[in-house]
PDB file of N, CA and C in Angstrom:
ATOM      1  N   UNK A   1      -2.146   7.125  -7.124  1.00  0.00           N
ATOM      2  CA  UNK A   1      -0.513   6.953  -7.005  1.00  0.00           C
ATOM      3  C   UNK A   1      -0.109   7.245  -7.863  1.00  0.00           C
ATOM      4  N   UNK A   2       1.029   7.865  -8.010  1.00  0.00           N
ATOM      5  CA  UNK A   2       1.470   7.954  -9.199  1.00  0.00           C
ATOM      6  C   UNK A   2       2.902   6.831  -9.813  1.00  0.00           C
ATOM      7  N   UNK A   3       3.178   6.298 -10.874  1.00  0.00           N
ATOM      8  CA  UNK A   3       4.011   5.483 -11.671  1.00  0.00           C
ATOM      9  C   UNK A   3       4.756   6.019 -11.042  1.00  0.00           C
ATOM     10  N   UNK A   4       5.559   6.213 -10.258  1.00  0.00           N
ATOM     11  CA  UNK A   4       7.136   6.378 -10.457  1.00  0.00           C
ATOM     12  C   UNK A   4       7.174   6.900  -8.617  1.00  0.00           C
ATOM     13  N   UNK A   5       6.764   6.017  -7.696  1.00  0.00           N
ATOM     14  CA  UNK A   5       6.971   5.690  -6.277  1.00  0.00           C
ATOM     15  C   UNK A   5       8.844   5.962  -5.824  1.00  0.00           C
ATOM     16  N   UNK A   6       8.274   6.683  -4.954  1.00  0.00           N
ATOM     17  CA  UNK A   6       9.834   6.322  -4.439  1.00  0.00           C
ATOM     18  C   UNK A   6      10.294   5.629  -3.212  1.00  0.00           C
ATOM     19  N   UNK A   7      10.801   5.419  -2.752  1.00  0.00           N
ATOM     20  CA  UNK A   7      11.300   5.103  -0.990  1.00  0.00           C
ATOM     21  C   UNK A   7      10.403   6.638   0.038  1.00  0.00           C
ATOM     22  N   UNK A   8      10.160   5.775   0.542  1.00  0.00           N
ATOM     23  CA  UNK A   8       9.659   6.698   1.674  1.00  0.00           C
ATOM     24  C   UNK A   8       8.126   7.415   0.878  1.00  0.00           C
ATOM     25  N   UNK A   9       7.089   6.774   1.253  1.00  0.00           N
ATOM     26  CA  UNK A   9       6.397   6.985  -0.645  1.00  0.00           C
ATOM     27  C   UNK A   9       5.006   6.574   0.184  1.00  0.00           C
ATOM     28  N   UNK A  10       4.397   7.750   0.920  1.00  0.00           N
ATOM     29  CA  UNK A  10       2.895   6.726   1.175  1.00  0.00           C
ATOM     30  C   UNK A  10       1.726   6.424  -0.236  1.00  0.00           C
ATOM     31  N   UNK A  11       1.151   5.880   0.126  1.00  0.00           N
ATOM     32  CA  UNK A  11       0.736   5.413  -0.852  1.00  0.00           C
ATOM     33  C   UNK A  11      -1.003   5.297  -0.528  1.00  0.00           C
ATOM     34  N   UNK A  12      -1.366   5.035   0.202  1.00  0.00           N
ATOM     35  CA  UNK A  12      -2.321   5.123   1.138  1.00  0.00           C
ATOM     36  C   UNK A  12      -2.669   5.208   2.237  1.00  0.00           C
ATOM     37  N   UNK A  13      -4.287   6.643   2.609  1.00  0.00           N
ATOM     38  CA  UNK A  13      -3.798   6.851   4.203  1.00  0.00           C
ATOM     39  C   UNK A  13      -5.309   7.094   4.366  1.00  0.00           C
ATOM     40  N   UNK A  14      -5.816   6.840   5.411  1.00  0.00           N
ATOM     41  CA  UNK A  14      -7.559   7.108   4.911  1.00  0.00           C
ATOM     42  C   UNK A  14      -7.416   7.101   7.261  1.00  0.00           C
ATOM     43  N   UNK A  15      -7.546   8.116   7.165  1.00  0.00           N
ATOM     44  CA  UNK A  15      -7.451   8.481   8.609  1.00  0.00           C
ATOM     45  C   UNK A  15      -8.117   7.671  10.051  1.00  0.00           C
ATOM     46  N   UNK A  16      -7.814   6.961  10.550  1.00  0.00           N
ATOM     47  CA  UNK A  16      -7.672   6.242  11.818  1.00  0.00           C
ATOM     48  C   UNK A  16      -8.730   4.966  11.202  1.00  0.00           C
ATOM     49  N   UNK A  17      -8.421   4.151   9.865  1.00  0.00           N
ATOM     50  CA  UNK A  17      -9.043   2.744   9.197  1.00  0.00           C
ATOM     51  C   UNK A  17      -7.598   2.317   8.697  1.00  0.00           C
ATOM     52  N   UNK A  18      -6.649   3.253   7.186  1.00  0.00           N
ATOM     53  CA  UNK A  18      -5.840   2.338   7.080  1.00  0.00           C
ATOM     54  C   UNK A  18      -4.500   3.467   6.841  1.00  0.00           C
ATOM     55  N   UNK A  19      -3.424   3.102   6.652  1.00  0.00           N
ATOM     56  CA  UNK A  19      -2.099   3.199   6.401  1.00  0.00           C
ATOM     57  C   UNK A  19      -1.649   2.551   5.308  1.00  0.00           C
ATOM     58  N   UNK A  20      -1.418   2.794   4.089  1.00  0.00           N
ATOM     59  CA  UNK A  20       0.293   2.037   3.235  1.00  0.00           C
ATOM     60  C   UNK A  20       0.708   3.476   3.590  1.00  0.00           C
ATOM     61  N   UNK A  21       2.712   2.898   2.885  1.00  0.00           N
ATOM     62  CA  UNK A  21       3.147   3.352   2.883  1.00  0.00           C
ATOM     63  C   UNK A  21       4.535   2.428   2.516  1.00  0.00           C
ATOM     64  N   UNK A  22       5.398   2.514   1.573  1.00  0.00           N
ATOM     65  CA  UNK A  22       6.695   2.311   1.491  1.00  0.00           C
ATOM     66  C   UNK A  22       8.014   3.029   1.573  1.00  0.00           C
ATOM     67  N   UNK A  23       8.647   1.840   2.540  1.00  0.00           N
ATOM     68  CA  UNK A  23      10.374   2.399   3.228  1.00  0.00           C
ATOM     69  C   UNK A  23      11.382   1.295   2.981  1.00  0.00           C
ATOM     70  N   UNK A  24      12.152   1.714   2.503  1.00  0.00           N
ATOM     71  CA  UNK A  24      13.186   0.936   1.942  1.00  0.00           C
ATOM     72  C   UNK A  24      13.333  -0.572   2.395  1.00  0.00           C
ATOM     73  N   UNK A  25      12.701  -0.098   1.094  1.00  0.00           N
ATOM     74  CA  UNK A  25      11.952  -2.258   0.552  1.00  0.00           C
ATOM     75  C   UNK A  25      11.149  -2.542   0.758  1.00  0.00           C
ATOM     76  N   UNK A  26      10.102  -1.994   2.122  1.00  0.00           N
ATOM     77  CA  UNK A  26       9.234  -2.775   2.707  1.00  0.00           C
ATOM     78  C   UNK A  26       8.307  -1.925   2.505  1.00  0.00           C
ATOM     79  N   UNK A  27       6.749  -3.227   2.349  1.00  0.00           N
ATOM     80  CA  UNK A  27       5.883  -1.455   2.375  1.00  0.00           C
ATOM     81  C   UNK A  27       4.787  -2.441   3.557  1.00  0.00           C
ATOM     82  N   UNK A  28       4.411  -1.307   3.909  1.00  0.00           N
ATOM     83  CA  UNK A  28       3.649  -1.336   4.937  1.00  0.00           C
ATOM     84  C   UNK A  28       2.255  -1.461   5.664  1.00  0.00           C
ATOM     85  N   UNK A  29       1.491  -2.328   5.524  1.00  0.00           N
ATOM     86  CA  UNK A  29      -0.086  -1.826   5.434  1.00  0.00           C
ATOM     87  C   UNK A  29      -0.055  -1.932   7.087  1.00  0.00           C
ATOM     88  N   UNK A  30      -1.406  -0.988   7.443  1.00  0.00           N
ATOM     89  CA  UNK A  30      -1.687  -0.758   8.570  1.00  0.00           C
ATOM     90  C   UNK A  30      -3.327  -0.309   9.094  1.00  0.00           C
ATOM     91  N   UNK A  31      -3.588  -0.835  10.015  1.00  0.00           N
ATOM     92  CA  UNK A  31      -5.357  -1.381   9.408  1.00  0.00           C
ATOM     93  C   UNK A  31      -5.397  -0.714  10.965  1.00  0.00           C
ATOM     94  N   UNK A  32      -6.204  -0.164  10.827  1.00  0.00           N
ATOM     95  CA  UNK A  32      -6.928   0.362  12.038  1.00  0.00           C
ATOM     96  C   UNK A  32      -8.410   0.184  13.402  1.00  0.00           C
ATOM     97  N   UNK A  33      -8.821  -0.357  11.817  1.00  0.00           N
ATOM     98  CA  UNK A  33     -10.702  -0.312  11.827  1.00  0.00           C
ATOM     99  C   UNK A  33     -10.228  -2.448  11.868  1.00  0.00           C
ATOM    100  N   UNK A  34     -11.077  -3.109  12.410  1.00  0.00           N
ATOM    101  CA  UNK A  34     -11.218  -4.579  12.667  1.00  0.00           C
ATOM    102  C   UNK A  34     -12.310  -4.797  11.574  1.00  0.00           C
ATOM    103  N   UNK A  35     -12.322  -3.661  10.645  1.00  0.00           N
ATOM    104  CA  UNK A  35     -14.226  -4.399   9.816  1.00  0.00           C
ATOM    105  C   UNK A  35     -14.194  -2.710   8.773  1.00  0.00           C
ATOM    106  N   UNK A  36     -13.470  -3.009   7.704  1.00  0.00           N
ATOM    107  CA  UNK A  36     -13.384  -2.272   6.859  1.00  0.00           C
ATOM    108  C   UNK A  36     -15.054  -2.692   5.532  1.00  0.00           C
ATOM    109  N   UNK A  37     -15.377  -1.760   4.860  1.00  0.00           N
ATOM    110  CA  UNK A  37     -16.750  -1.707   3.808  1.00  0.00           C
ATOM    111  C   UNK A  37     -15.921  -2.398   2.488  1.00  0.00           C
ATOM    112  N   UNK A  38     -16.632  -2.099   2.074  1.00  0.00           N
ATOM    113  CA  UNK A  38     -16.416  -2.579   1.441  1.00  0.00           C
ATOM    114  C   UNK A  38     -15.407  -1.361  -0.245  1.00  0.00           C
ATOM    115  N   UNK A  39     -16.021   0.228  -0.765  1.00  0.00           N
ATOM    116  CA  UNK A  39     -15.639   1.243  -0.513  1.00  0.00           C
ATOM    117  C   UNK A  39     -13.741   0.820  -0.362  1.00  0.00           C
ATOM    118  N   UNK A  40     -13.629   0.749   0.593  1.00  0.00           N
ATOM    119  CA  UNK A  40     -12.050   0.925   1.227  1.00  0.00           C
ATOM    120  C   UNK A  40     -11.632  -0.195   0.549  1.00  0.00           C
ATOM    121  N   UNK A  41     -12.362  -2.411   0.740  1.00  0.00           N
ATOM    122  CA  UNK A  41     -11.268  -2.897   0.115  1.00  0.00           C
ATOM    123  C   UNK A  41     -10.820  -2.512  -1.634  1.00  0.00           C
ATOM    124  N   UNK A  42     -12.158  -2.260  -2.464  1.00  0.00           N
ATOM    125  CA  UNK A  42     -11.313  -1.892  -3.861  1.00  0.00           C
ATOM    126  C   UNK A  42      -9.884  -1.176  -3.705  1.00  0.00           C
ATOM    127  N   UNK A  43     -10.368   0.472  -2.458  1.00  0.00           N
ATOM    128  CA  UNK A  43      -9.476   0.888  -2.936  1.00  0.00           C
ATOM    129  C   UNK A  43      -7.889   0.808  -2.520  1.00  0.00           C
ATOM    130  N   UNK A  44      -8.413  -0.597  -1.498  1.00  0.00           N
ATOM    131  CA  UNK A  44      -7.037  -0.831  -1.172  1.00  0.00           C
ATOM    132  C   UNK A  44      -6.124  -1.970  -2.294  1.00  0.00           C
ATOM    133  N   UNK A  45      -7.737  -2.215  -2.682  1.00  0.00           N
ATOM    134  CA  UNK A  45      -6.706  -3.684  -3.553  1.00  0.00           C
ATOM    135  C   UNK A  45      -6.217  -3.068  -4.812  1.00  0.00           C
ATOM    136  N   UNK A  46      -6.801  -1.686  -5.830  1.00  0.00           N
ATOM    137  CA  UNK A  46      -6.824  -0.914  -6.663  1.00  0.00           C
ATOM    138  C   UNK A  46      -4.620  -0.234  -6.821  1.00  0.00           C
ATOM    139  N   UNK A  47      -5.114   0.401  -5.492  1.00  0.00           N
ATOM    140  CA  UNK A  47      -3.722   0.442  -4.721  1.00  0.00           C
ATOM    141  C   UNK A  47      -2.293  -0.228  -4.947  1.00  0.00           C
ATOM    142  N   UNK A  48      -2.631  -2.240  -4.176  1.00  0.00           N
ATOM    143  CA  UNK A  48      -2.330  -2.297  -4.466  1.00  0.00           C
ATOM    144  C   UNK A  48      -1.541  -2.987  -5.856  1.00  0.00           C
ATOM    145  N   UNK A  49      -2.619  -2.798  -6.637  1.00  0.00           N
ATOM    146  CA  UNK A  49      -2.343  -3.486  -8.210  1.00  0.00           C
ATOM    147  C   UNK A  49      -1.130  -2.650  -9.329  1.00  0.00           C
ATOM    148  N   UNK A  50      -1.679  -1.201  -8.668  1.00  0.00           N
ATOM    149  CA  UNK A  50      -0.959  -0.819  -9.203  1.00  0.00           C
ATOM    150  C   UNK A  50       0.532  -0.584  -9.023  1.00  0.00           C
ATOM    151  N   UNK A  51       0.990  -0.408  -7.693  1.00  0.00           N
ATOM    152  CA  UNK A  51       2.233  -0.645  -6.276  1.00  0.00           C
ATOM    153  C   UNK A  51       2.952  -1.771  -6.680  1.00  0.00           C
ATOM    154  N   UNK A  52       2.692  -2.812  -7.422  1.00  0.00           N
ATOM    155  CA  UNK A  52       2.209  -4.500  -7.452  1.00  0.00           C
ATOM    156  C   UNK A  52       2.968  -4.420  -9.572  1.00  0.00           C
ATOM    157  N   UNK A  53       2.266  -3.127 -10.027  1.00  0.00           N
ATOM    158  CA  UNK A  53       2.858  -3.529 -11.198  1.00  0.00           C
ATOM    159  C   UNK A  53       3.559  -2.379 -12.157  1.00  0.00           C
ATOM    160  N   UNK A  54       3.857  -1.887 -10.859  1.00  0.00           N
ATOM    161  CA  UNK A  54       4.788  -0.934 -10.907  1.00  0.00           C
ATOM    162  C   UNK A  54       6.744  -1.682 -10.040  1.00  0.00           C
ATOM    163  N   UNK A  55       6.216  -2.786  -9.435  1.00  0.00           N
ATOM    164  CA  UNK A  55       6.823  -3.071  -9.022  1.00  0.00           C
ATOM    165  C   UNK A  55       7.607  -4.293 -10.271  1.00  0.00           C
ATOM    166  N   UNK A  56       6.487  -4.965 -10.528  1.00  0.00           N
ATOM    167  CA  UNK A  56       6.835  -5.550 -11.920  1.00  0.00           C
ATOM    168  C   UNK A  56       8.097  -5.383 -12.991  1.00  0.00           C
ATOM    169  N   UNK A  57       6.906  -4.509 -13.100  1.00  0.00           N
ATOM    170  CA  UNK A  57       7.485  -3.318 -14.638  1.00  0.00           C
ATOM    171  C   UNK A  57       9.793  -2.836 -14.518  1.00  0.00           C
ATOM    172  N   UNK A  58       9.806  -2.530 -12.760  1.00  0.00           N
ATOM    173  CA  UNK A  58      11.023  -2.169 -12.610  1.00  0.00           C
ATOM    174  C   UNK A  58      11.676  -3.103 -11.600  1.00  0.00           C
ATOM    175  N   UNK A  59      11.347  -4.147 -12.107  1.00  0.00           N
ATOM    176  CA  UNK A  59      12.314  -5.406 -11.200  1.00  0.00           C
ATOM    177  C   UNK A  59      13.038  -5.189  -9.859  1.00  0.00           C
ATOM    178  N   UNK A  60      11.849  -4.697  -9.214  1.00  0.00           N
ATOM    179  CA  UNK A  60      12.141  -4.153  -7.463  1.00  0.00           C
ATOM    180  C   UNK A  60      11.543  -5.200  -7.096  1.00  0.00           C
ATOM    181  N   UNK A  61      12.022  -6.036  -5.997  1.00  0.00           N
ATOM    182  CA  UNK A  61      11.923  -6.715  -5.226  1.00  0.00           C
ATOM    183  C   UNK A  61      11.436  -6.124  -3.942  1.00  0.00           C
ATOM    184  N   UNK A  62      10.388  -6.501  -3.283  1.00  0.00           N
ATOM    185  CA  UNK A  62       9.973  -5.888  -1.070  1.00  0.00           C
ATOM    186  C   UNK A  62       9.346  -7.209  -0.457  1.00  0.00           C
ATOM    187  N   UNK A  63       9.325  -6.455   0.608  1.00  0.00           N
ATOM    188  CA  UNK A  63       9.422  -7.561   1.798  1.00  0.00           C
ATOM    189  C   UNK A  63       7.756  -7.237   2.244  1.00  0.00           C
ATOM    190  N   UNK A  64       6.629  -7.484   2.407  1.00  0.00           N
ATOM    191  CA  UNK A  64       5.371  -6.751   3.615  1.00  0.00           C
ATOM    192  C   UNK A  64       4.832  -6.653   4.897  1.00  0.00           C
ATOM    193  N   UNK A  65       5.098  -6.173   5.569  1.00  0.00           N
ATOM    194  CA  UNK A  65       4.549  -6.188   6.657  1.00  0.00           C
ATOM    195  C   UNK A  65       2.904  -5.578   7.415  1.00  0.00           C
ATOM    196  N   UNK A  66       2.656  -6.271   7.796  1.00  0.00           N
ATOM    197  CA  UNK A  66       1.056  -5.825   8.163  1.00  0.00           C
ATOM    198  C   UNK A  66       0.582  -6.479   9.476  1.00  0.00           C
ATOM    199  N   UNK A  67       0.114  -4.826   9.602  1.00  0.00           N
ATOM    200  CA  UNK A  67       0.517  -4.486  10.801  1.00  0.00           C
ATOM    201  C   UNK A  67      -1.610  -3.993  11.609  1.00  0.00           C
ATOM    202  N   UNK A  68      -2.216  -4.748  11.747  1.00  0.00           N
ATOM    203  CA  UNK A  68      -3.626  -5.539  12.014  1.00  0.00           C
ATOM    204  C   UNK A  68      -4.296  -4.854  14.103  1.00  0.00           C
TER     205      UNK A  68
END
């Protein structure tokens, strides 16, 4: 993920598993599998950490939607 995210950014897409995107100050997290492996969890964690750190630096507030 680049450090200058924009509206409508796709932060992570793993086909048929995970889709994380940012639209209109809403972070959408969609999980398509009941169980994710350890590597998937690590990737999600890293992406979200980077995203949240960027939001904090830029003083951006957002909502989060989870789709299971």
